[in-house]
Protein backbone atom coordinates (compact mmCIF):
# COMPACT_ATOMS: atom_id res chain seq x y z
CA MET A 1 56.13 79.37 62.60
CA ASN A 2 54.47 76.12 63.72
CA ASP A 3 55.50 74.46 66.96
CA PRO A 4 57.63 71.31 66.54
CA ILE A 5 55.74 68.02 66.61
CA THR A 6 56.99 64.78 68.13
CA VAL A 7 55.17 61.58 67.19
CA LEU A 8 55.54 58.36 69.19
CA LEU A 9 54.24 55.17 67.55
CA ILE A 10 53.58 52.13 69.74
CA ASP A 11 53.19 49.00 67.59
CA ASP A 12 54.77 45.58 67.58
CA GLN A 13 54.86 45.43 63.75
CA THR A 14 57.91 47.12 62.26
CA ILE A 15 56.26 47.16 58.84
CA ILE A 16 53.59 49.50 60.19
CA ALA A 17 56.27 51.65 61.80
CA GLU A 18 58.16 51.90 58.54
CA ALA A 19 54.99 52.85 56.66
CA VAL A 20 54.18 55.62 59.14
CA ARG A 21 57.79 56.84 59.10
CA LYS A 22 57.65 57.20 55.32
CA MET A 23 54.42 59.19 55.59
CA LEU A 24 56.13 61.66 57.94
CA VAL A 25 59.68 61.72 56.69
CA ASN A 26 59.30 64.79 54.51
CA GLU A 27 57.63 66.85 57.23
CA ARG A 28 60.41 69.03 58.67
CA ASP A 29 58.47 70.02 61.77
CA ILE A 30 57.71 66.41 62.72
CA THR A 31 60.08 64.11 64.62
CA PHE A 32 59.20 60.42 64.62
CA HIS A 33 59.90 57.90 67.41
CA TYR A 34 59.00 54.23 67.48
CA CYS A 35 58.47 51.80 70.36
CA ASN A 36 57.83 48.14 69.45
CA ASN A 37 57.49 47.00 73.07
CA PRO A 38 54.39 48.44 74.73
CA LEU A 39 55.84 47.63 78.14
CA GLN A 40 58.53 50.26 77.48
CA THR A 41 56.01 52.92 76.44
CA ILE A 42 56.27 55.09 79.57
CA LYS A 43 60.07 54.97 79.56
CA VAL A 44 60.28 55.93 75.87
CA ALA A 45 57.64 58.65 76.31
CA LYS A 46 59.64 60.20 79.15
CA SER A 47 62.66 60.25 76.89
CA CYS A 48 61.17 61.69 73.70
CA GLN A 49 58.40 63.89 75.13
CA PRO A 50 55.79 63.25 72.35
CA THR A 51 53.14 65.79 71.36
CA VAL A 52 50.96 62.98 70.03
CA ILE A 53 50.93 59.18 70.51
CA LEU A 54 49.85 56.63 67.89
CA GLN A 55 48.96 53.35 69.59
CA ASP A 56 48.03 49.99 68.08
CA LEU A 57 45.22 48.12 69.83
CA MET A 58 46.37 44.61 68.93
CA MET A 59 49.72 43.70 70.54
CA PRO A 60 50.89 40.38 72.04
CA GLN A 61 52.56 41.81 75.17
CA ILE A 62 49.57 43.76 76.55
CA ASP A 63 45.93 44.42 75.82
CA GLY A 64 45.63 47.63 73.81
CA LEU A 65 42.73 49.04 75.86
CA LEU A 66 44.66 48.35 79.07
CA LEU A 67 47.58 50.31 77.64
CA VAL A 68 45.18 53.18 76.90
CA ARG A 69 44.16 53.18 80.54
CA LEU A 70 47.80 53.12 81.68
CA LEU A 71 48.70 56.03 79.42
CA ARG A 72 45.81 57.97 80.88
CA SER A 73 46.67 57.28 84.53
CA LEU A 74 46.86 60.51 86.51
CA ASP A 75 50.42 59.74 87.60
CA ALA A 76 51.61 58.89 84.07
CA PRO A 77 53.72 61.47 82.19
CA THR A 78 51.47 60.81 79.15
CA TYR A 79 48.32 61.75 81.05
CA GLN A 80 47.56 64.77 78.84
CA VAL A 81 49.38 63.77 75.61
CA PRO A 82 46.87 63.30 72.71
CA LEU A 83 46.34 59.59 71.98
CA ILE A 84 45.26 58.31 68.53
CA VAL A 85 44.26 54.65 68.60
CA LEU A 86 45.10 52.57 65.49
CA SER A 87 42.90 49.54 64.90
CA SER A 88 42.69 46.98 62.14
CA GLU A 89 38.92 47.27 61.99
CA GLU A 90 36.09 49.71 62.61
CA ASP A 91 34.50 48.15 65.69
CA PRO A 92 31.98 50.51 67.34
CA VAL A 93 32.22 48.75 70.72
CA ILE A 94 36.02 48.78 70.81
CA LYS A 95 36.00 52.33 69.56
CA ALA A 96 33.59 53.42 72.31
CA GLN A 97 35.72 51.74 74.97
CA ALA A 98 38.84 53.43 73.67
CA PHE A 99 37.20 56.84 73.92
CA GLU A 100 35.86 55.95 77.37
CA TYR A 101 39.39 55.11 78.59
CA GLY A 102 40.78 58.42 77.33
CA ALA A 103 41.69 58.10 73.65
CA ASN A 104 41.42 61.34 71.67
CA ASP A 105 40.95 59.78 68.22
CA TYR A 106 40.42 56.45 66.45
CA LEU A 107 41.77 55.45 63.02
CA VAL A 108 41.67 52.24 61.05
CA LYS A 109 45.22 51.45 59.94
CA LEU A 110 46.74 52.35 57.79
CA PRO A 111 44.95 55.63 57.20
CA ASP A 112 45.55 57.89 54.27
CA ARG A 113 48.70 60.03 54.65
CA VAL A 114 46.80 63.31 54.30
CA GLU A 115 44.27 62.31 56.95
CA LEU A 116 46.98 61.03 59.30
CA LEU A 117 49.00 64.23 58.97
CA ALA A 118 45.91 66.35 59.53
CA ARG A 119 44.99 64.48 62.71
CA ILE A 120 48.58 64.53 63.98
CA ARG A 121 48.85 68.27 63.42
CA TYR A 122 45.42 68.96 64.89
CA HIS A 123 46.04 67.05 68.11
CA SER A 124 49.64 68.26 68.47
CA LYS A 125 48.54 71.85 68.04
CA ALA A 126 45.88 71.39 70.71
CA TYR A 127 48.45 69.77 73.02
CA ASN A 128 51.04 72.48 72.44
CA ASN A 129 48.39 75.11 73.12
CA LEU A 130 47.48 73.25 76.31
CA LEU A 131 51.12 73.27 77.39
CA LYS A 132 51.40 76.97 76.63
CA ARG A 133 48.21 77.67 78.55
CA GLN A 134 49.41 75.64 81.50
CA GLU A 135 52.77 77.36 81.38
CA ALA A 136 51.04 80.74 81.26
CA GLU A 137 48.80 79.71 84.15
CA ALA A 138 51.83 78.52 86.11
CA LEU A 139 53.61 81.80 85.41
CA LEU A 140 50.50 83.68 86.44
CA ARG A 141 50.24 81.66 89.65
CA GLU A 142 53.91 82.29 90.34
CA GLU A 143 53.48 85.99 89.64
CA ASN A 144 50.41 86.06 91.87
CA GLU A 145 52.32 84.26 94.61
CA GLN A 146 55.25 86.62 94.19
CA GLN A 147 52.86 89.57 94.21
CA ALA A 148 51.16 88.22 97.33
CA LEU A 149 54.57 87.69 98.93
CA TYR A 150 55.60 91.19 97.85
CA ILE A 151 52.47 92.69 99.41
CA GLN A 152 53.01 90.58 102.53
CA GLN A 153 56.59 91.78 102.82
CA VAL A 154 55.57 95.39 102.15
CA ASN A 155 53.13 94.96 105.04
CA LYS A 156 56.02 93.60 107.10
CA ILE A 157 57.93 96.82 106.53
CA THR A 158 54.81 98.82 107.43
CA ASN A 159 54.38 96.74 110.59
CA ALA A 160 58.08 97.19 111.32
CA ALA A 161 57.59 100.96 111.22
CA SER A 162 54.75 100.56 113.72
CA ALA A 163 56.97 98.32 115.86
CA VAL A 164 59.64 101.02 115.87
CA GLU A 165 57.04 103.52 117.05
CA GLN A 166 56.08 101.15 119.89
CA ASN A 167 59.76 100.39 120.62
CA ILE A 168 59.29 96.64 120.02
CA PHE A 169 61.21 96.32 116.73
CA GLU A 170 63.59 93.34 116.54
CA ASP A 171 66.75 93.49 114.43
CA THR A 172 65.81 90.17 112.76
CA GLN A 173 62.22 91.20 112.03
CA LEU A 174 62.90 91.93 108.33
CA ASP A 175 65.54 89.28 107.59
CA ASP A 176 63.42 87.49 104.96
CA VAL A 177 62.57 90.78 103.22
CA SER A 178 66.20 91.91 103.37
CA ALA A 179 67.22 88.74 101.51
CA ARG A 180 65.42 89.99 98.38
CA LYS A 181 67.63 91.30 95.57
CA ASP A 182 65.21 93.99 94.44
CA GLU A 183 64.37 97.49 95.65
CA LEU A 184 62.12 96.14 98.40
CA GLY A 185 65.02 94.13 99.80
CA GLN A 186 67.22 97.21 99.67
CA LEU A 187 64.52 99.20 101.46
CA ALA A 188 64.31 96.55 104.19
CA ARG A 189 68.09 96.51 104.61
CA VAL A 190 68.29 100.30 104.74
CA PHE A 191 65.33 100.45 107.15
CA THR A 192 66.85 97.86 109.50
CA GLN A 193 70.23 99.57 109.46
CA MET A 194 68.59 102.93 110.04
CA VAL A 195 66.70 101.58 113.06
CA LYS A 196 69.91 100.05 114.42
CA THR A 197 71.69 103.36 113.95
CA VAL A 198 68.83 105.27 115.60
CA LYS A 199 68.84 102.83 118.53
CA VAL A 200 72.56 103.32 118.98
CA ARG A 201 72.12 107.09 118.81
CA GLU A 202 69.19 106.93 121.24
CA ALA A 203 71.24 104.84 123.65
CA GLU A 204 74.08 107.34 123.36
CA LEU A 205 71.67 110.22 123.93
CA GLU A 206 70.14 108.43 126.90
CA ARG A 207 73.58 107.90 128.40
CA LEU A 208 74.40 111.53 127.69
CA LYS A 209 71.10 112.60 129.25
CA ASP A 210 71.77 110.46 132.33
CA SER A 211 75.27 111.87 132.60
CA LEU A 212 74.00 115.41 132.12
CA ALA A 213 71.30 114.86 134.73
CA ARG A 214 74.03 114.29 137.30
CA PHE A 215 75.25 117.83 136.64
CA PHE A 216 71.85 119.36 135.92
CA PRO A 217 69.11 117.29 137.59
CA ASP A 218 65.65 116.88 136.09
CA GLU A 219 64.24 118.51 139.22
CA TYR A 220 65.88 121.75 138.10
CA LEU A 221 64.19 121.55 134.71
CA ARG A 222 60.78 120.96 136.23
CA PHE A 223 61.27 123.73 138.75
CA LEU A 224 62.42 126.20 136.07
CA ARG A 225 59.58 125.00 133.81
CA LYS A 226 61.95 123.96 131.03
CA ASP A 227 61.51 120.99 128.70
CA SER A 228 65.21 120.44 128.12
CA VAL A 229 68.55 121.58 129.47
CA ILE A 230 69.04 123.19 126.05
CA ASP A 231 66.27 125.64 126.96
CA VAL A 232 67.98 126.76 130.17
CA GLN A 233 69.58 130.19 129.91
CA LEU A 234 71.85 132.22 132.13
CA GLY A 235 69.67 134.31 134.43
CA ASP A 236 66.64 131.96 134.44
CA PHE A 237 65.18 131.85 137.94
CA VAL A 238 62.05 131.22 139.98
CA SER A 239 61.18 133.24 143.06
CA LYS A 240 59.21 131.35 145.69
CA THR A 241 58.83 130.70 149.40
CA MET A 242 60.68 127.45 149.99
CA ALA A 243 62.43 125.44 152.66
CA VAL A 244 66.20 125.43 152.41
CA MET A 245 68.54 122.91 154.02
CA PHE A 246 72.24 123.07 154.79
CA SER A 247 74.17 120.10 156.16
CA ASP A 248 77.78 119.11 156.72
CA ILE A 249 79.94 116.63 158.56
CA ARG A 250 81.16 117.88 161.91
CA SER A 251 84.93 117.97 162.44
CA PHE A 252 85.51 116.87 158.87
CA THR A 253 88.89 118.61 158.79
CA THR A 254 90.07 116.51 161.72
CA ILE A 255 88.74 113.32 160.13
CA SER A 256 90.32 114.07 156.75
CA GLU A 257 93.76 114.80 158.20
CA GLY A 258 94.39 111.10 158.61
CA MET A 259 93.38 110.27 155.04
CA THR A 260 95.09 110.39 151.67
CA PRO A 261 93.42 112.50 148.94
CA ARG A 262 92.00 109.31 147.40
CA GLU A 263 90.64 108.16 150.74
CA ASN A 264 89.08 111.59 151.25
CA PHE A 265 87.26 111.38 147.93
CA ASN A 266 86.11 107.82 148.61
CA PHE A 267 84.88 108.79 152.06
CA ILE A 268 82.91 111.83 150.86
CA ASN A 269 81.35 109.90 147.97
CA ALA A 270 80.45 106.97 150.23
CA TYR A 271 78.67 109.41 152.54
CA LEU A 272 76.93 111.43 149.82
CA LYS A 273 75.65 108.40 147.91
CA ARG A 274 73.85 107.29 151.08
CA VAL A 275 72.23 110.57 152.07
CA SER A 276 71.66 112.39 148.76
CA PRO A 277 68.83 110.12 147.51
CA GLU A 278 66.74 111.15 150.51
CA ILE A 279 66.61 114.70 149.12
CA ARG A 280 65.08 113.43 145.86
CA ASN A 281 62.88 110.96 147.72
CA HIS A 282 61.29 113.91 149.52
CA TYR A 283 60.87 116.15 146.46
CA GLY A 284 63.89 118.31 147.14
CA ILE A 285 66.50 119.74 144.78
CA ILE A 286 70.20 119.50 145.57
CA VAL A 287 71.45 122.97 144.70
CA LYS A 288 75.12 122.18 145.21
CA PHE A 289 77.63 120.10 147.12
CA LEU A 290 79.97 122.03 149.39
CA GLY A 291 82.83 119.61 150.01
CA ASP A 292 81.49 117.53 152.87
CA GLY A 293 78.37 119.71 152.92
CA MET A 294 75.24 120.08 150.89
CA MET A 295 72.65 122.75 150.11
CA ALA A 296 69.15 121.74 149.04
CA VAL A 297 65.78 123.42 148.60
CA PHE A 298 62.27 122.00 148.92
CA PRO A 299 59.79 123.87 146.72
CA ASP A 300 56.77 122.35 148.46
CA GLY A 301 57.81 123.49 151.90
CA ALA A 302 58.82 122.53 155.40
CA ASP A 303 57.23 119.08 155.70
CA ASP A 304 59.34 117.66 152.88
CA ALA A 305 62.49 119.24 154.29
CA ILE A 306 61.95 117.91 157.83
CA ALA A 307 61.16 114.41 156.53
CA ALA A 308 64.27 114.48 154.34
CA GLY A 309 66.44 115.64 157.25
CA ILE A 310 65.20 112.84 159.50
CA ALA A 311 65.74 110.29 156.73
CA LYS A 312 69.28 111.61 156.14
CA GLN A 313 70.18 111.18 159.79
CA GLN A 314 68.79 107.63 159.70
CA ARG A 315 71.08 106.86 156.75
CA VAL A 316 73.99 108.37 158.72
CA GLN A 317 73.19 106.10 161.67
CA GLU A 318 73.17 103.07 159.35
CA TYR A 319 76.48 104.20 157.86
CA ASN A 320 77.94 104.56 161.35
CA ASP A 321 76.92 100.99 162.21
CA GLN A 322 78.92 99.81 159.18
CA ARG A 323 81.90 102.03 160.05
CA GLN A 324 81.99 100.90 163.67
CA ALA A 325 81.79 97.25 162.56
CA LYS A 326 85.03 97.92 160.66
CA GLY A 327 86.64 99.62 163.64
CA LYS A 328 86.17 103.16 162.29
CA GLN A 329 84.94 106.20 164.20
CA PRO A 330 81.30 107.27 163.66
CA ILE A 331 80.60 110.56 161.93
CA HIS A 332 78.19 113.27 163.04
CA VAL A 333 76.20 115.41 160.64
CA GLY A 334 74.56 118.74 161.40
CA ILE A 335 71.45 119.89 159.51
CA GLY A 336 69.87 123.34 159.48
CA ILE A 337 66.45 124.11 157.92
CA HIS A 338 64.74 127.46 157.42
CA VAL A 339 61.73 128.62 155.36
CA GLY A 340 61.36 131.90 153.50
CA PRO A 341 61.21 133.64 150.11
CA MET A 342 64.21 133.03 147.87
CA MET A 343 65.28 132.87 144.26
CA LEU A 344 66.58 129.69 142.66
CA GLY A 345 68.11 129.99 139.23
CA MET A 346 71.12 129.96 136.94
CA VAL A 347 74.22 132.03 137.65
CA GLY A 348 77.63 132.29 136.05
CA GLU A 349 78.69 133.50 132.60
CA ASN A 350 78.00 132.51 129.03
CA HIS A 351 80.45 129.61 129.02
CA ARG A 352 79.83 128.29 132.53
CA ILE A 353 76.57 128.32 134.48
CA GLN A 354 75.28 126.52 137.53
CA GLY A 355 72.26 126.54 139.78
CA ASP A 356 72.22 128.53 143.00
CA ALA A 357 69.80 130.03 145.49
CA PHE A 358 69.86 133.62 146.75
CA SER A 359 68.19 135.22 149.73
CA ASP A 360 68.91 136.42 153.22
CA ASN A 361 67.01 133.28 154.25
CA VAL A 362 69.70 131.16 152.62
CA ASN A 363 72.33 132.91 154.76
CA VAL A 364 70.22 132.35 157.89
CA THR A 365 70.04 128.62 157.13
CA ALA A 366 73.80 128.38 156.68
CA ARG A 367 74.31 130.11 160.07
CA LEU A 368 71.70 127.84 161.63
CA GLU A 369 73.50 124.72 160.45
CA GLY A 370 76.66 126.07 162.07
CA LEU A 371 74.80 126.31 165.40
CA THR A 372 74.29 122.52 165.47
CA LYS A 373 77.88 122.30 166.76
CA VAL A 374 77.14 124.91 169.46
CA TYR A 375 73.93 123.27 170.67
CA GLY A 376 75.09 119.69 170.11
CA SER A 377 72.04 118.95 167.97
CA SER A 378 71.67 116.81 164.86
CA MET A 379 69.02 119.01 163.24
CA LEU A 380 67.99 122.59 163.95
CA ILE A 381 65.02 124.40 162.46
CA THR A 382 63.71 127.94 162.85
CA GLY A 383 60.42 129.08 164.31
CA GLN A 384 59.41 130.13 160.79
CA THR A 385 59.91 126.52 159.72
CA VAL A 386 57.70 125.30 162.56
CA ASP A 387 55.01 127.77 161.49
CA HIS A 388 55.03 126.29 157.97
CA LEU A 389 54.58 122.69 159.10
CA SER A 390 51.16 121.30 158.25
CA ASN A 391 51.07 119.35 161.51
CA PRO A 392 53.92 120.21 163.95
CA GLU A 393 52.66 117.63 166.46
CA THR A 394 53.85 114.94 164.07
CA TYR A 395 57.41 115.67 165.17
CA GLN A 396 59.19 115.79 168.51
CA ILE A 397 60.46 119.37 168.65
CA ARG A 398 62.33 121.09 171.49
CA PHE A 399 62.73 124.88 171.66
CA LEU A 400 66.34 125.82 172.42
CA ALA A 401 66.74 129.59 172.31
CA ASN A 402 66.30 132.81 170.43
CA ALA A 403 69.53 133.54 168.61
CA LEU A 404 71.01 136.54 166.82
CA VAL A 405 73.08 135.19 163.94
CA LYS A 406 75.61 137.15 161.93
CA GLY A 407 73.99 139.45 159.39
CA ARG A 408 70.59 139.57 161.16
CA THR A 409 69.24 142.25 163.49
CA GLU A 410 66.26 140.18 164.59
CA ALA A 411 66.54 137.09 166.72
CA VAL A 412 65.66 133.72 165.21
CA ALA A 413 63.77 131.13 167.23
CA VAL A 414 65.84 127.95 167.20
CA TYR A 415 64.31 124.48 167.65
CA GLU A 416 65.84 121.04 167.47
CA VAL A 417 64.07 118.04 165.94
CA LEU A 418 64.49 115.13 168.33
CA ASP A 419 63.35 112.64 165.66
CA ALA A 420 66.74 113.17 163.98
CA GLU A 421 68.70 112.04 167.06
CA THR A 422 69.80 108.53 167.91
CA GLU A 423 67.31 106.56 169.97
CA THR A 424 69.34 106.91 173.18
CA ILE A 425 69.78 110.69 172.90
CA ARG A 426 66.16 111.17 171.88
CA GLU A 427 64.86 109.26 174.91
CA LEU A 428 67.10 111.23 177.30
CA LYS A 429 65.99 114.58 175.86
CA GLN A 430 62.33 113.53 176.03
CA GLN A 431 62.80 112.39 179.62
CA THR A 432 64.33 115.73 180.65
CA LEU A 433 62.03 117.90 178.52
CA PRO A 434 59.82 119.14 181.42
CA HIS A 435 62.87 120.34 183.39
CA PHE A 436 64.39 121.87 180.25
CA GLU A 437 61.22 123.77 179.30
CA GLN A 438 60.79 125.02 182.88
CA GLY A 439 64.41 126.20 182.89
CA ILE A 440 63.80 128.14 179.64
CA LEU A 441 60.73 129.77 181.17
CA TYR A 442 62.66 130.86 184.30
CA TYR A 443 65.53 132.10 182.14
CA ARG A 444 63.23 134.28 180.06
CA HIS A 445 61.82 135.84 183.20
CA ARG A 446 65.29 136.41 184.68
CA VAL A 447 64.71 133.93 187.48
CA PHE A 448 68.20 132.65 186.98
CA THR A 449 68.76 130.65 190.18
CA GLU A 450 65.68 128.53 189.59
CA ALA A 451 66.55 128.31 185.89
CA LYS A 452 69.99 126.97 186.70
CA ALA A 453 68.52 124.41 189.07
CA CYS A 454 66.26 123.12 186.25
CA PHE A 455 69.16 122.79 183.81
CA GLU A 456 71.26 121.05 186.47
CA LYS A 457 68.43 118.51 186.86
CA VAL A 458 68.59 117.97 183.11
CA LEU A 459 72.34 117.39 183.32
CA SER A 460 71.98 114.98 186.22
CA ILE A 461 69.98 112.71 183.90
CA HIS A 462 71.65 113.64 180.61
CA PRO A 463 75.16 114.94 181.39
CA THR A 464 76.05 115.52 177.71
CA ASP A 465 73.10 117.81 176.94
CA GLN A 466 75.19 120.57 175.41
CA THR A 467 72.41 123.18 175.39
CA ALA A 468 71.71 122.67 179.10
CA GLN A 469 75.45 123.08 179.73
CA LEU A 470 75.45 126.38 177.80
CA TYR A 471 72.54 127.69 179.84
CA CYS A 472 74.29 126.76 183.10
CA GLU A 473 77.48 128.51 181.99
CA GLN A 474 75.58 131.60 180.86
CA ILE A 475 73.60 131.81 184.10
CA THR A 476 76.73 131.31 186.22
CA MET A 477 78.39 134.22 184.41
CA LEU A 478 75.32 136.44 184.84
CA LEU A 479 75.07 135.65 188.54
CA SER A 480 78.76 136.27 189.16
CA GLU A 481 79.23 139.36 186.96
CA GLY A 482 75.81 140.91 187.34
CA ILE A 483 72.95 141.30 184.90
CA PRO A 484 73.43 144.12 182.33
CA GLU A 485 70.66 146.70 182.15
CA ASN A 486 70.15 146.00 178.45
CA TRP A 487 70.15 142.23 178.91
CA GLN A 488 68.18 140.25 176.33
CA GLU A 489 67.40 136.56 176.33
CA ALA A 490 68.57 136.20 172.72
CA TRP A 491 72.02 134.70 172.32
CA THR A 492 74.37 136.45 169.95
CA PHE A 493 76.61 134.45 167.59
CA GLY A 494 79.24 135.99 165.34
């Protein structure tokens, strides 16, 4: 079936228009339009959308060749419509100019009906084919653009996957792709929602991990060589020579008697949140909290433990400054540190496990911490701890005594770390150290009178030196009651 043809005749003579109309009237595929005013040509052409234009060259309103040029202007809607010029004569010059200005054909009017129809059909067919080609090209361009956009948006999804991997994906990154109504749009929407869901789950898991780490610290995992808490089993342990630390608040029972249960909890937590970080800061592991006390181990040895103990006492001193500024009594914390082989691992039963450390050395440390009250010291360490220090001279250490603690048959050398004391106490103990050490030497050699004199000199400068007081009391008893034949310098504590 042929494409429909629309003919527009531009001629000021109605007789010519009528003649052309009669030539075309029986052609069902041809629609005829007539414009007798050339100045209205563009307006009429816009309205009827001709596939071919028949234009007279001789019209009073406008020069025919000028009209040809206007119809062929690039901005005219008739720019590509075939134009057949009708002239009253065969003038080669006029004909050449018409072709030069853009006419497609030239006929002397009135042409024969058969010839006119043939030319109309020929040019209309060419024009319709041109329109179809342009439409096809436009569709192809649109398809190419859509394909390019499709590829671009596919790449966006690919890049979004990479962004997820690098943790830089934005929720709005695929908004333009998600707006599509096809499968790619659905993929973008599902992908974005999936990433949002994963982020929410990851945040929940991170919060869960952080919460779990408060009950089962990461230090435990590293020490037990486990990747996840899921891998930890009842009975997992590591046996190693480590430093162990016990600490607690002296006279806590007396302090807590004046508090409500809520105030007790607030007080303990306020204290622990200040001192506990120093364990982690010095590569230690908090094994457990014991009410107002704490047990920690240091896998890398004595240096970390001593540094942590000093730092803890510094935090206590800062806390006391705050308490005293509020009119509250200062607190005193005792710390005991010992080094030896021990096992750290998981104990309990299938439905409830926790970390703990086991060894006679753990018991020794607990007893040692208890002696801080006896000796009036902030931090006590054993001779074995001193032996494991990489550079003991780094610290100010004072030997106190050899002590037999409960559960041990061999005496333990007890030292105090002066660095853990307040500045005033530390200076007094350093000032009296020569007298104190001389008194210890006399005491060991049973020269008790001279020993007592040395400790009394210590007390004359530092009256609250509790260890010097103990030595004076012990010597006084020995001198008054006599020295037993099996006397040993080691002090026995139950």
